[in-house]
Amino acid sequence: MSDLRGKAVLVTGAAKRIGRGIALRLAREGARVAIHYSSSESDARATAAECGNAPIFRADLEKVSEIESLFAAVGEHFGRLDGLVNNAARFTRFHPFDVTEKDWDFIHNVNLKATFFCCQQGGKLMMRNGGGRIVNISSLGGIRPWAEHAHYCASNAGVIHMTRALAKALAPHITVNSVAPGVIPFNDLDQYSIPMVEATPAKRPGTADEIADAVVFFLKSSNFVTGELIAVDGGLNLR
């Protein structure tokens, strides 16, 4: 998919933050963007308006039935799916001794389980027209261990390894790759992210558009690029 013009691409969690940045970039590239949201309808509508009045689709990604309905609706609207960016995710901070089953499920039900079933349903829809491109947004926490984020790190390590397994399973018609962002602030940096920025070789935080650069690379690449991970983190994973 060397040219995104006219391609149908779904971005999950596209109402705000990194997802919004990716959606806006894809719209600038000429893609027909589908905006998914769960609860932030007003933000989703604002993002959609900036994407040339792109269609919006609501789904609770904790429920596989709603994931299935989401992709059915996208397929009905566009008649096809060429690209999928699994961006929707959750983030919490707990000492491992304090993580409850509810805390674990809160993270894994979206970060890992939903990503898998979106890949499943997106892949099936893509194959109706010969294939496509899947990009899973993971996290630097899937590469490096963070003491107060063991449950979160586990979910993203799972996304990264699942990406590799799916790349083998869905080849040669569908590529599956992952982007792991570093510190990407949208408000003031907090007490936890400031030391991470200071430790970043680039000596600054990143931007949503820099994450979108990597997403666009994977969406445009040939099927000779699959199962790969790009850490967009200013070199923080090297520390």
Protein backbone atom coordinates (compact mmCIF):
# COMPACT_ATOMS: atom_id res chain seq x y z
CA MET A 1 0.00 0.00 0.00
CA SER A 2 2.53 2.60 -1.17
CA ASP A 3 -0.20 5.24 -1.47
CA LEU A 4 -2.89 5.75 1.16
CA ARG A 5 -5.15 7.89 -1.00
CA GLY A 6 -8.62 6.37 -1.02
CA LYS A 7 -7.68 3.53 1.33
CA ALA A 8 -10.10 2.70 4.15
CA VAL A 9 -8.29 2.72 7.50
CA LEU A 10 -9.85 2.22 10.93
CA VAL A 11 -8.15 3.77 13.96
CA THR A 12 -9.35 2.56 17.35
CA GLY A 13 -9.36 5.02 20.22
CA ALA A 14 -9.09 7.84 17.69
CA ALA A 15 -10.97 10.53 19.63
CA LYS A 16 -8.02 11.86 21.59
CA ARG A 17 -4.28 11.88 22.13
CA ILE A 18 -2.13 9.60 19.96
CA GLY A 19 -5.13 8.09 18.18
CA ARG A 20 -6.34 11.53 17.16
CA GLY A 21 -2.89 12.43 15.88
CA ILE A 22 -2.75 9.26 13.81
CA ALA A 23 -6.22 9.83 12.38
CA LEU A 24 -5.40 13.42 11.39
CA ARG A 25 -2.19 12.31 9.71
CA LEU A 26 -3.93 9.55 7.76
CA ALA A 27 -6.55 12.03 6.59
CA ARG A 28 -3.77 14.31 5.35
CA GLU A 29 -2.35 11.32 3.49
CA GLY A 30 -5.68 10.99 1.69
CA ALA A 31 -6.98 7.90 3.50
CA ARG A 32 -10.66 7.38 4.21
CA VAL A 33 -10.44 7.27 7.99
CA ALA A 34 -12.87 5.50 10.29
CA ILE A 35 -12.90 7.00 13.80
CA HIS A 36 -13.59 4.57 16.62
CA TYR A 37 -14.43 5.74 20.14
CA SER A 38 -15.82 4.19 23.30
CA SER A 39 -17.10 7.04 25.49
CA SER A 40 -15.61 10.30 24.19
CA GLU A 41 -18.25 11.07 21.57
CA SER A 42 -17.75 14.83 21.48
CA ASP A 43 -14.01 14.42 21.02
CA ALA A 44 -14.60 11.79 18.35
CA ARG A 45 -16.90 14.12 16.44
CA ALA A 46 -14.32 16.90 16.66
CA THR A 47 -11.60 14.61 15.34
CA ALA A 48 -13.89 13.36 12.59
CA ALA A 49 -14.65 16.93 11.53
CA GLU A 50 -10.92 17.65 11.25
CA CYS A 51 -10.58 14.50 9.15
CA GLY A 52 -12.99 15.79 6.53
CA ASN A 53 -16.16 14.63 8.29
CA ALA A 54 -14.96 11.08 8.66
CA PRO A 55 -17.48 8.53 9.95
CA ILE A 56 -17.43 7.65 13.64
CA PHE A 57 -18.13 4.25 15.15
CA ARG A 58 -18.79 3.51 18.82
CA ALA A 59 -17.86 0.20 20.44
CA ASP A 60 -16.91 -1.06 23.89
CA LEU A 61 -13.79 -3.04 23.00
CA GLU A 62 -14.04 -5.09 26.19
CA LYS A 63 -16.87 -6.97 24.50
CA VAL A 64 -16.05 -9.21 21.55
CA SER A 65 -19.63 -8.92 20.34
CA GLU A 66 -19.20 -5.16 20.01
CA ILE A 67 -15.87 -5.61 18.21
CA GLU A 68 -17.64 -7.86 15.72
CA SER A 69 -20.39 -5.26 15.27
CA LEU A 70 -17.79 -2.52 14.83
CA PHE A 71 -16.08 -4.26 11.93
CA ALA A 72 -19.40 -5.22 10.38
CA ALA A 73 -20.40 -1.54 10.43
CA VAL A 74 -17.06 -0.42 9.00
CA GLY A 75 -17.33 -3.03 6.26
CA GLU A 76 -20.85 -1.95 5.43
CA HIS A 77 -19.84 1.72 5.29
CA PHE A 78 -16.68 1.40 3.20
CA GLY A 79 -17.24 -1.93 1.48
CA ARG A 80 -13.68 -2.90 2.41
CA LEU A 81 -10.89 -2.40 4.95
CA ASP A 82 -7.33 -1.72 3.84
CA GLY A 83 -5.68 -0.73 7.09
CA LEU A 84 -6.23 -1.10 10.84
CA VAL A 85 -4.45 0.83 13.58
CA ASN A 86 -5.09 -0.70 17.00
CA ASN A 87 -4.44 2.29 19.20
CA ALA A 88 -7.07 1.99 21.97
CA ALA A 89 -5.39 1.23 25.30
CA ARG A 90 -5.52 1.78 29.04
CA PHE A 91 -2.87 2.73 31.56
CA THR A 92 -2.78 2.47 35.36
CA ARG A 93 -0.07 2.48 38.01
CA PHE A 94 0.04 0.09 40.97
CA HIS A 95 2.63 -1.73 43.02
CA PRO A 96 2.34 -5.42 42.05
CA PHE A 97 1.14 -6.34 45.55
CA ASP A 98 -1.80 -3.98 45.08
CA VAL A 99 -3.00 -5.19 41.68
CA THR A 100 -6.40 -6.87 41.94
CA GLU A 101 -8.09 -9.16 39.45
CA LYS A 102 -10.27 -6.22 38.45
CA ASP A 103 -7.17 -4.05 37.86
CA TRP A 104 -5.57 -6.78 35.76
CA ASP A 105 -8.68 -7.31 33.65
CA PHE A 106 -9.20 -3.55 33.22
CA ILE A 107 -5.85 -3.34 31.43
CA HIS A 108 -5.72 -6.68 29.63
CA ASN A 109 -9.30 -6.68 28.36
CA VAL A 110 -8.51 -3.69 26.14
CA ASN A 111 -4.74 -3.64 25.69
CA LEU A 112 -4.35 -7.30 24.77
CA LYS A 113 -7.67 -9.11 24.34
CA ALA A 114 -9.34 -6.38 22.32
CA THR A 115 -6.25 -5.91 20.17
CA PHE A 116 -6.31 -9.59 19.27
CA PHE A 117 -10.00 -9.67 18.37
CA CYS A 118 -9.70 -6.44 16.38
CA CYS A 119 -6.86 -8.08 14.44
CA GLN A 120 -9.04 -11.13 13.93
CA GLN A 121 -12.07 -9.25 12.68
CA GLY A 122 -10.02 -6.70 10.75
CA GLY A 123 -8.03 -9.45 9.07
CA LYS A 124 -11.17 -11.25 7.96
CA LEU A 125 -12.56 -8.03 6.49
CA MET A 126 -9.29 -7.25 4.73
CA MET A 127 -9.17 -10.66 3.09
CA ARG A 128 -12.41 -9.96 1.26
CA ASN A 129 -10.35 -7.67 -0.98
CA GLY A 130 -7.03 -9.50 -0.98
CA GLY A 131 -5.31 -8.27 2.18
CA GLY A 132 -4.19 -5.20 4.05
CA ARG A 133 -2.01 -3.73 6.78
CA ILE A 134 -2.37 -3.91 10.58
CA VAL A 135 -0.40 -1.70 12.97
CA ASN A 136 -0.63 -2.35 16.71
CA ILE A 137 0.31 0.51 19.02
CA SER A 138 2.09 -1.07 21.97
CA SER A 139 4.34 0.73 24.47
CA LEU A 140 7.89 1.12 25.64
CA GLY A 141 6.54 -0.69 28.70
CA GLY A 142 6.34 -3.82 26.57
CA ILE A 143 10.11 -3.62 26.02
CA ARG A 144 11.43 -2.33 29.34
CA PRO A 145 10.28 -3.36 32.84
CA TRP A 146 8.57 -0.69 34.94
CA ALA A 147 8.27 -1.55 38.62
CA GLU A 148 4.84 -0.01 39.20
CA HIS A 149 3.38 -1.18 35.91
CA ALA A 150 3.90 -4.94 35.87
CA HIS A 151 0.32 -5.58 34.69
CA TYR A 152 0.61 -2.89 32.00
CA CYS A 153 4.04 -4.09 30.86
CA ALA A 154 2.70 -7.64 30.57
CA SER A 155 -0.17 -6.51 28.35
CA ASN A 156 2.11 -4.65 25.97
CA ALA A 157 4.76 -7.35 25.87
CA GLY A 158 1.86 -9.60 24.88
CA VAL A 159 0.86 -7.22 22.09
CA ILE A 160 4.40 -7.17 20.72
CA HIS A 161 4.79 -10.95 20.69
CA MET A 162 1.24 -11.46 19.43
CA THR A 163 2.07 -9.08 16.58
CA ARG A 164 4.90 -11.39 15.53
CA ALA A 165 2.73 -14.49 15.73
CA LEU A 166 -0.04 -12.86 13.69
CA ALA A 167 2.50 -11.66 11.13
CA LYS A 168 3.36 -15.31 10.47
CA ALA A 169 -0.24 -16.47 10.56
CA LEU A 170 -1.65 -13.82 8.23
CA ALA A 171 1.21 -13.66 5.70
CA PRO A 172 1.58 -13.05 2.83
CA HIS A 173 -1.57 -10.99 2.28
CA ILE A 174 -1.75 -9.10 5.59
CA THR A 175 1.21 -7.52 7.36
CA VAL A 176 1.18 -6.99 11.12
CA ASN A 177 3.65 -4.62 12.76
CA SER A 178 3.90 -2.67 16.02
CA VAL A 179 4.88 0.83 17.14
CA ALA A 180 6.03 1.37 20.73
CA PRO A 181 5.81 5.04 21.79
CA GLY A 182 8.00 6.54 24.46
CA VAL A 183 6.94 9.60 26.46
CA ILE A 184 4.25 11.43 24.44
CA PRO A 185 2.70 14.10 26.71
CA PHE A 186 -0.46 16.02 25.92
CA ASN A 187 -0.54 18.17 29.04
CA ASP A 188 2.17 19.14 31.50
CA LEU A 189 4.68 16.41 32.29
CA ASP A 190 4.01 14.74 35.66
CA GLN A 191 6.44 13.63 38.36
CA TYR A 192 6.78 10.20 36.74
CA SER A 193 7.38 11.26 33.15
CA ILE A 194 9.89 14.06 33.85
CA PRO A 195 12.68 11.62 34.86
CA MET A 196 11.91 9.52 31.75
CA VAL A 197 12.31 12.56 29.51
CA GLU A 198 15.55 13.46 31.28
CA ALA A 199 16.82 9.93 30.63
CA THR A 200 15.84 10.05 26.95
CA PRO A 201 18.90 10.43 24.68
CA ALA A 202 16.92 12.82 22.45
CA LYS A 203 16.46 15.03 25.56
CA ARG A 204 12.80 15.74 24.84
CA PRO A 205 9.39 14.03 24.76
CA GLY A 206 7.86 12.92 21.49
CA THR A 207 4.75 13.99 19.61
CA ALA A 208 1.71 12.20 18.25
CA ASP A 209 2.79 13.08 14.72
CA GLU A 210 6.10 11.28 15.27
CA ILE A 211 4.15 8.16 16.21
CA ALA A 212 2.03 8.69 13.10
CA ASP A 213 5.23 8.76 11.01
CA ALA A 214 5.96 5.17 12.01
CA VAL A 215 2.32 4.11 11.50
CA VAL A 216 2.30 5.55 7.99
CA PHE A 217 5.58 3.79 7.22
CA PHE A 218 4.08 0.42 8.11
CA LEU A 219 0.81 1.10 6.28
CA LYS A 220 2.69 2.04 3.11
CA SER A 221 5.29 -0.73 3.26
CA SER A 222 5.28 -3.83 1.09
CA ASN A 223 4.55 -7.26 2.55
CA PHE A 224 8.31 -7.71 2.95
CA VAL A 225 8.03 -5.64 6.15
CA THR A 226 6.06 -7.63 8.71
CA GLY A 227 6.36 -8.75 12.31
CA GLU A 228 8.51 -5.73 13.12
CA LEU A 229 8.61 -3.33 16.06
CA ILE A 230 9.62 0.32 15.89
CA ALA A 231 10.24 2.06 19.22
CA VAL A 232 9.54 5.77 18.72
CA ASP A 233 11.00 6.91 22.01
CA GLY A 234 14.01 9.14 21.42
CA GLY A 235 16.29 6.23 22.28
CA LEU A 236 14.87 5.68 25.78
CA ASN A 237 14.72 1.90 25.28
CA LEU A 238 18.53 1.92 25.01
CA ARG A 239 18.96 3.06 28.62
